[in-house]
Amino acid sequence: MVIVNTPHPARKRLNLEYDALVQWNNKLIYADVTGFGENGPDANLPGFDITSYWARSGLLSMTRDAGAPPTWPVAGSGDNATAVGLYAAIVTALYRREHTGKGSYVTTSLLAEGIWSASVSIQAALCGAKFFGLHDRKNPANAALNVYRAADDTWFVLIVTPDKLEAVAKAIGRPDLLTTRVLRIGRNSWRTCRS
């Protein structure tokens, strides 16, 4: 097995391309990971987690609050997701080799895995779906589903289903919240309004 992540021009100079190596062993599993894939205008460019996985796929723009600029994501998280994708391809190639005796050329890219991670939104967009805007933490559509900052500057996520509002209001010492009405808007969306 050979796993490579150097840009294609460097592989060619070093004679480490699949076509060169498979001549030595037709059972070879050659696992190729790139920044932007094998084809297209950016195929030979080096790719990085932040550029290929996050920025080019659109994930960087989708994972922020409304009105806030994109921020730097957790380092290496796109690299990790891409490694899992490559692992799946390698395991599939090993299975194929066990049953056929033949090796395989498998590949993925940071961009492909970023697009996979954003696939629910991408598929919906391709079907003409309408989207809610980015989450607005300061003016949430639902105050019971939001991220808040506590008095000690600790951030926390609040998720309260309508049937638990009374218990939560009492538990946090805010029975005044019970003077609000919860109005159902749509199938799974809730909005709190003053009565």
C-alpha atoms as a PDB file:
ATOM      1  CA  MET A   1       0.000   0.000   0.000  1.00  0.00           C
ATOM      2  CA  VAL A   2       1.126   3.520  -0.816  1.00  0.00           C
ATOM      3  CA  ILE A   3      -0.515   6.626   0.641  1.00  0.00           C
ATOM      4  CA  VAL A   4       0.461   9.915  -0.988  1.00  0.00           C
ATOM      5  CA  ASN A   5      -0.538  13.514  -0.400  1.00  0.00           C
ATOM      6  CA  THR A   6       2.106  15.395  -2.357  1.00  0.00           C
ATOM      7  CA  PRO A   7       0.911  17.504  -5.309  1.00  0.00           C
ATOM      8  CA  HIS A   8       0.737  15.645  -8.628  1.00  0.00           C
ATOM      9  CA  PRO A   9       3.640  17.538 -10.264  1.00  0.00           C
ATOM     10  CA  ALA A  10       5.947  16.489  -7.418  1.00  0.00           C
ATOM     11  CA  ARG A  11       4.836  12.854  -7.731  1.00  0.00           C
ATOM     12  CA  LYS A  12       5.559  12.939 -11.432  1.00  0.00           C
ATOM     13  CA  ARG A  13       9.084  14.289 -10.845  1.00  0.00           C
ATOM     14  CA  LEU A  14       9.723  11.586  -8.230  1.00  0.00           C
ATOM     15  CA  ASN A  15       8.194   8.844 -10.395  1.00  0.00           C
ATOM     16  CA  LEU A  16       5.667   8.068  -7.629  1.00  0.00           C
ATOM     17  CA  GLU A  17       2.504   8.123  -9.711  1.00  0.00           C
ATOM     18  CA  TYR A  18       0.137   5.165  -9.690  1.00  0.00           C
ATOM     19  CA  ASP A  19       0.916   4.094 -13.270  1.00  0.00           C
ATOM     20  CA  ALA A  20       4.618   3.859 -12.451  1.00  0.00           C
ATOM     21  CA  LEU A  21       4.200   1.927  -9.195  1.00  0.00           C
ATOM     22  CA  VAL A  22       1.481  -0.525 -10.232  1.00  0.00           C
ATOM     23  CA  GLN A  23       3.908  -2.020 -12.777  1.00  0.00           C
ATOM     24  CA  TRP A  24       5.881  -3.388  -9.825  1.00  0.00           C
ATOM     25  CA  ASN A  25       2.849  -4.862  -8.057  1.00  0.00           C
ATOM     26  CA  ASN A  26      -0.619  -5.230  -9.581  1.00  0.00           C
ATOM     27  CA  LYS A  27      -2.080  -5.821  -6.092  1.00  0.00           C
ATOM     28  CA  LEU A  28      -0.995  -2.344  -5.034  1.00  0.00           C
ATOM     29  CA  ILE A  29      -3.497  -0.151  -3.221  1.00  0.00           C
ATOM     30  CA  TYR A  30      -2.561   3.424  -4.037  1.00  0.00           C
ATOM     31  CA  ALA A  31      -4.371   5.942  -1.824  1.00  0.00           C
ATOM     32  CA  ASP A  32      -4.224   9.494  -3.138  1.00  0.00           C
ATOM     33  CA  VAL A  33      -5.332  12.569  -1.208  1.00  0.00           C
ATOM     34  CA  THR A  34      -5.167  16.081  -2.643  1.00  0.00           C
ATOM     35  CA  GLY A  35      -6.431  19.535  -1.847  1.00  0.00           C
ATOM     36  CA  PHE A  36      -8.737  20.040  -4.817  1.00  0.00           C
ATOM     37  CA  GLY A  37      -9.112  16.684  -6.573  1.00  0.00           C
ATOM     38  CA  GLU A  38      -7.493  15.091  -9.598  1.00  0.00           C
ATOM     39  CA  ASN A  39      -9.030  17.227 -12.337  1.00  0.00           C
ATOM     40  CA  GLY A  40      -9.906  20.829 -12.935  1.00  0.00           C
ATOM     41  CA  PRO A  41      -8.014  24.118 -12.875  1.00  0.00           C
ATOM     42  CA  ASP A  42      -6.910  23.732  -9.240  1.00  0.00           C
ATOM     43  CA  ALA A  43      -5.885  20.050  -9.362  1.00  0.00           C
ATOM     44  CA  ASN A  44      -2.167  20.804  -9.132  1.00  0.00           C
ATOM     45  CA  LEU A  45      -2.445  23.384  -6.368  1.00  0.00           C
ATOM     46  CA  PRO A  46      -1.498  22.482  -2.814  1.00  0.00           C
ATOM     47  CA  GLY A  47      -4.492  22.426  -0.514  1.00  0.00           C
ATOM     48  CA  PHE A  48      -4.888  23.110   3.150  1.00  0.00           C
ATOM     49  CA  ASP A  49      -7.610  22.388   5.689  1.00  0.00           C
ATOM     50  CA  ILE A  50      -8.718  26.043   5.852  1.00  0.00           C
ATOM     51  CA  THR A  51      -8.580  26.729   2.102  1.00  0.00           C
ATOM     52  CA  SER A  52      -9.851  23.523   0.525  1.00  0.00           C
ATOM     53  CA  TYR A  53     -12.080  21.900   3.134  1.00  0.00           C
ATOM     54  CA  TRP A  54     -13.507  24.958   4.886  1.00  0.00           C
ATOM     55  CA  ALA A  55     -13.419  27.933   2.509  1.00  0.00           C
ATOM     56  CA  ARG A  56     -13.887  26.427  -0.946  1.00  0.00           C
ATOM     57  CA  SER A  57     -16.612  23.984   0.131  1.00  0.00           C
ATOM     58  CA  GLY A  58     -18.686  26.772   1.704  1.00  0.00           C
ATOM     59  CA  LEU A  59     -18.586  25.337   5.233  1.00  0.00           C
ATOM     60  CA  LEU A  60     -16.689  28.362   6.550  1.00  0.00           C
ATOM     61  CA  SER A  61     -19.551  30.662   5.603  1.00  0.00           C
ATOM     62  CA  MET A  62     -22.267  28.352   6.960  1.00  0.00           C
ATOM     63  CA  THR A  63     -20.801  27.881  10.453  1.00  0.00           C
ATOM     64  CA  ARG A  64     -21.150  31.362  11.926  1.00  0.00           C
ATOM     65  CA  ASP A  65     -23.753  33.630  13.454  1.00  0.00           C
ATOM     66  CA  ALA A  66     -25.750  36.068  11.345  1.00  0.00           C
ATOM     67  CA  GLY A  67     -23.896  39.331  10.926  1.00  0.00           C
ATOM     68  CA  ALA A  68     -20.580  37.820  12.027  1.00  0.00           C
ATOM     69  CA  PRO A  69     -17.663  37.257   9.679  1.00  0.00           C
ATOM     70  CA  PRO A  70     -16.355  33.730   9.113  1.00  0.00           C
ATOM     71  CA  THR A  71     -13.945  32.676  11.816  1.00  0.00           C
ATOM     72  CA  TRP A  72     -10.979  30.330  12.002  1.00  0.00           C
ATOM     73  CA  PRO A  73     -12.272  26.772  12.544  1.00  0.00           C
ATOM     74  CA  VAL A  74     -10.774  24.155  14.834  1.00  0.00           C
ATOM     75  CA  ALA A  75      -7.356  23.307  13.371  1.00  0.00           C
ATOM     76  CA  GLY A  76      -7.129  20.030  11.521  1.00  0.00           C
ATOM     77  CA  SER A  77     -10.814  19.175  11.662  1.00  0.00           C
ATOM     78  CA  GLY A  78     -11.081  19.042   7.867  1.00  0.00           C
ATOM     79  CA  ASP A  79      -7.876  17.014   7.702  1.00  0.00           C
ATOM     80  CA  ASN A  80      -9.411  14.536  10.138  1.00  0.00           C
ATOM     81  CA  ALA A  81     -12.646  14.217   8.161  1.00  0.00           C
ATOM     82  CA  THR A  82     -10.668  13.726   4.960  1.00  0.00           C
ATOM     83  CA  ALA A  83      -8.554  11.023   6.591  1.00  0.00           C
ATOM     84  CA  VAL A  84     -11.735   9.148   7.517  1.00  0.00           C
ATOM     85  CA  GLY A  85     -12.926   9.398   3.904  1.00  0.00           C
ATOM     86  CA  LEU A  86      -9.604   8.052   2.652  1.00  0.00           C
ATOM     87  CA  TYR A  87      -9.730   5.282   5.260  1.00  0.00           C
ATOM     88  CA  ALA A  88     -13.138   4.200   3.920  1.00  0.00           C
ATOM     89  CA  ALA A  89     -11.732   4.081   0.390  1.00  0.00           C
ATOM     90  CA  ILE A  90      -8.717   2.029   1.535  1.00  0.00           C
ATOM     91  CA  VAL A  91     -10.880  -0.481   3.433  1.00  0.00           C
ATOM     92  CA  THR A  92     -13.088  -0.872   0.362  1.00  0.00           C
ATOM     93  CA  ALA A  93      -9.986  -1.439  -1.790  1.00  0.00           C
ATOM     94  CA  LEU A  94      -8.681  -4.054   0.667  1.00  0.00           C
ATOM     95  CA  TYR A  95     -12.033  -5.850   0.503  1.00  0.00           C
ATOM     96  CA  ARG A  96     -11.958  -5.752  -3.292  1.00  0.00           C
ATOM     97  CA  ARG A  97      -8.388  -7.067  -3.385  1.00  0.00           C
ATOM     98  CA  GLU A  98      -9.276  -9.926  -1.054  1.00  0.00           C
ATOM     99  CA  HIS A  99     -12.103 -10.998  -3.363  1.00  0.00           C
ATOM    100  CA  THR A 100     -10.556 -10.289  -6.774  1.00  0.00           C
ATOM    101  CA  GLY A 101      -6.802 -10.324  -6.204  1.00  0.00           C
ATOM    102  CA  LYS A 102      -6.581  -6.881  -7.832  1.00  0.00           C
ATOM    103  CA  GLY A 103      -5.253  -3.676  -6.373  1.00  0.00           C
ATOM    104  CA  SER A 104      -6.908  -0.282  -6.625  1.00  0.00           C
ATOM    105  CA  TYR A 105      -6.312   3.394  -7.075  1.00  0.00           C
ATOM    106  CA  VAL A 106      -8.442   5.285  -4.543  1.00  0.00           C
ATOM    107  CA  THR A 107      -8.621   8.997  -4.007  1.00  0.00           C
ATOM    108  CA  THR A 108     -10.329  11.811  -2.173  1.00  0.00           C
ATOM    109  CA  SER A 109      -9.605  15.461  -1.557  1.00  0.00           C
ATOM    110  CA  LEU A 110     -10.046  18.058   1.144  1.00  0.00           C
ATOM    111  CA  LEU A 111     -12.529  19.809  -1.152  1.00  0.00           C
ATOM    112  CA  ALA A 112     -14.546  16.634  -1.805  1.00  0.00           C
ATOM    113  CA  GLU A 113     -14.815  15.884   1.898  1.00  0.00           C
ATOM    114  CA  GLY A 114     -15.796  19.502   2.648  1.00  0.00           C
ATOM    115  CA  ILE A 115     -18.547  19.268   0.041  1.00  0.00           C
ATOM    116  CA  TRP A 116     -19.660  15.965   1.565  1.00  0.00           C
ATOM    117  CA  SER A 117     -19.823  17.669   4.983  1.00  0.00           C
ATOM    118  CA  ALA A 118     -21.972  20.439   3.490  1.00  0.00           C
ATOM    119  CA  SER A 119     -23.969  17.994   1.371  1.00  0.00           C
ATOM    120  CA  VAL A 120     -27.343  18.451   3.052  1.00  0.00           C
ATOM    121  CA  SER A 121     -27.324  22.166   2.236  1.00  0.00           C
ATOM    122  CA  ILE A 122     -25.788  21.658  -1.204  1.00  0.00           C
ATOM    123  CA  GLN A 123     -28.352  19.006  -2.190  1.00  0.00           C
ATOM    124  CA  ALA A 124     -31.175  21.198  -0.931  1.00  0.00           C
ATOM    125  CA  ALA A 125     -29.848  24.189  -2.894  1.00  0.00           C
ATOM    126  CA  LEU A 126     -29.608  22.091  -6.068  1.00  0.00           C
ATOM    127  CA  CYS A 127     -33.288  21.191  -5.608  1.00  0.00           C
ATOM    128  CA  GLY A 128     -34.288  24.842  -5.188  1.00  0.00           C
ATOM    129  CA  ALA A 129     -34.907  24.713  -1.431  1.00  0.00           C
ATOM    130  CA  LYS A 130     -35.490  27.894   0.532  1.00  0.00           C
ATOM    131  CA  PHE A 131     -33.159  28.375   3.505  1.00  0.00           C
ATOM    132  CA  PHE A 132     -33.491  30.035   6.854  1.00  0.00           C
ATOM    133  CA  GLY A 133     -30.876  32.728   7.331  1.00  0.00           C
ATOM    134  CA  LEU A 134     -27.848  32.227   9.518  1.00  0.00           C
ATOM    135  CA  HIS A 135     -28.630  31.831  13.205  1.00  0.00           C
ATOM    136  CA  ASP A 136     -28.876  35.224  14.925  1.00  0.00           C
ATOM    137  CA  ARG A 137     -27.804  34.649  18.517  1.00  0.00           C
ATOM    138  CA  LYS A 138     -28.855  38.159  19.617  1.00  0.00           C
ATOM    139  CA  ASN A 139     -32.313  37.870  18.019  1.00  0.00           C
ATOM    140  CA  PRO A 140     -33.065  34.151  17.872  1.00  0.00           C
ATOM    141  CA  ALA A 141     -36.167  32.800  16.215  1.00  0.00           C
ATOM    142  CA  ASN A 142     -36.535  30.706  19.354  1.00  0.00           C
ATOM    143  CA  ALA A 143     -35.141  31.878  22.701  1.00  0.00           C
ATOM    144  CA  ALA A 144     -35.279  28.293  23.985  1.00  0.00           C
ATOM    145  CA  LEU A 145     -32.827  27.139  21.310  1.00  0.00           C
ATOM    146  CA  ASN A 146     -29.795  29.375  21.466  1.00  0.00           C
ATOM    147  CA  VAL A 147     -26.246  29.956  22.681  1.00  0.00           C
ATOM    148  CA  TYR A 148     -25.932  32.254  25.701  1.00  0.00           C
ATOM    149  CA  ARG A 149     -23.210  33.784  27.857  1.00  0.00           C
ATOM    150  CA  ALA A 150     -23.589  33.336  31.612  1.00  0.00           C
ATOM    151  CA  ALA A 151     -22.731  36.013  34.188  1.00  0.00           C
ATOM    152  CA  ASP A 152     -19.322  34.349  34.724  1.00  0.00           C
ATOM    153  CA  ASP A 153     -18.567  34.617  30.949  1.00  0.00           C
ATOM    154  CA  THR A 154     -19.097  30.890  30.363  1.00  0.00           C
ATOM    155  CA  TRP A 155     -20.863  30.108  27.087  1.00  0.00           C
ATOM    156  CA  PHE A 156     -23.581  27.457  27.061  1.00  0.00           C
ATOM    157  CA  VAL A 157     -26.144  25.992  24.678  1.00  0.00           C
ATOM    158  CA  LEU A 158     -29.784  26.053  25.755  1.00  0.00           C
ATOM    159  CA  ILE A 159     -32.184  23.567  24.194  1.00  0.00           C
ATOM    160  CA  VAL A 160     -35.591  23.481  25.871  1.00  0.00           C
ATOM    161  CA  THR A 161     -38.554  21.666  24.378  1.00  0.00           C
ATOM    162  CA  PRO A 162     -41.977  23.255  24.998  1.00  0.00           C
ATOM    163  CA  ASP A 163     -43.021  20.555  27.470  1.00  0.00           C
ATOM    164  CA  LYS A 164     -39.985  21.376  29.658  1.00  0.00           C
ATOM    165  CA  LEU A 165     -40.257  25.185  29.738  1.00  0.00           C
ATOM    166  CA  GLU A 166     -41.923  25.331  33.143  1.00  0.00           C
ATOM    167  CA  ALA A 167     -39.400  23.009  34.799  1.00  0.00           C
ATOM    168  CA  VAL A 168     -36.434  24.894  33.302  1.00  0.00           C
ATOM    169  CA  ALA A 169     -37.809  28.330  34.256  1.00  0.00           C
ATOM    170  CA  LYS A 170     -38.227  27.196  37.848  1.00  0.00           C
ATOM    171  CA  ALA A 171     -34.827  25.467  37.924  1.00  0.00           C
ATOM    172  CA  ILE A 172     -32.996  28.614  36.836  1.00  0.00           C
ATOM    173  CA  GLY A 173     -34.928  30.812  39.236  1.00  0.00           C
ATOM    174  CA  ARG A 174     -36.800  32.691  36.496  1.00  0.00           C
ATOM    175  CA  PRO A 175     -40.491  31.970  37.040  1.00  0.00           C
ATOM    176  CA  ASP A 176     -41.198  35.296  35.315  1.00  0.00           C
ATOM    177  CA  LEU A 177     -40.452  33.530  32.047  1.00  0.00           C
ATOM    178  CA  LEU A 178     -43.638  31.553  32.575  1.00  0.00           C
ATOM    179  CA  THR A 179     -45.657  34.708  31.891  1.00  0.00           C
ATOM    180  CA  THR A 180     -44.733  34.345  28.239  1.00  0.00           C
ATOM    181  CA  ARG A 181     -46.682  32.287  25.772  1.00  0.00           C
ATOM    182  CA  VAL A 182     -45.087  29.793  23.461  1.00  0.00           C
ATOM    183  CA  LEU A 183     -46.566  30.020  19.990  1.00  0.00           C
ATOM    184  CA  ARG A 184     -46.025  27.271  17.534  1.00  0.00           C
ATOM    185  CA  ILE A 185     -44.706  28.557  14.210  1.00  0.00           C
ATOM    186  CA  GLY A 186     -44.401  25.911  11.533  1.00  0.00           C
ATOM    187  CA  ARG A 187     -43.888  22.245  12.335  1.00  0.00           C
ATOM    188  CA  ASN A 188     -40.806  22.269  14.581  1.00  0.00           C
ATOM    189  CA  SER A 189     -40.172  25.924  15.286  1.00  0.00           C
ATOM    190  CA  TRP A 190     -41.081  27.749  18.509  1.00  0.00           C
ATOM    191  CA  ARG A 191     -41.103  31.471  19.309  1.00  0.00           C
ATOM    192  CA  THR A 192     -41.518  33.095  22.715  1.00  0.00           C
ATOM    193  CA  CYS A 193     -43.702  36.214  22.892  1.00  0.00           C
ATOM    194  CA  ARG A 194     -44.855  38.438  25.776  1.00  0.00           C
ATOM    195  CA  SER A 195     -48.498  37.940  26.739  1.00  0.00           C
END
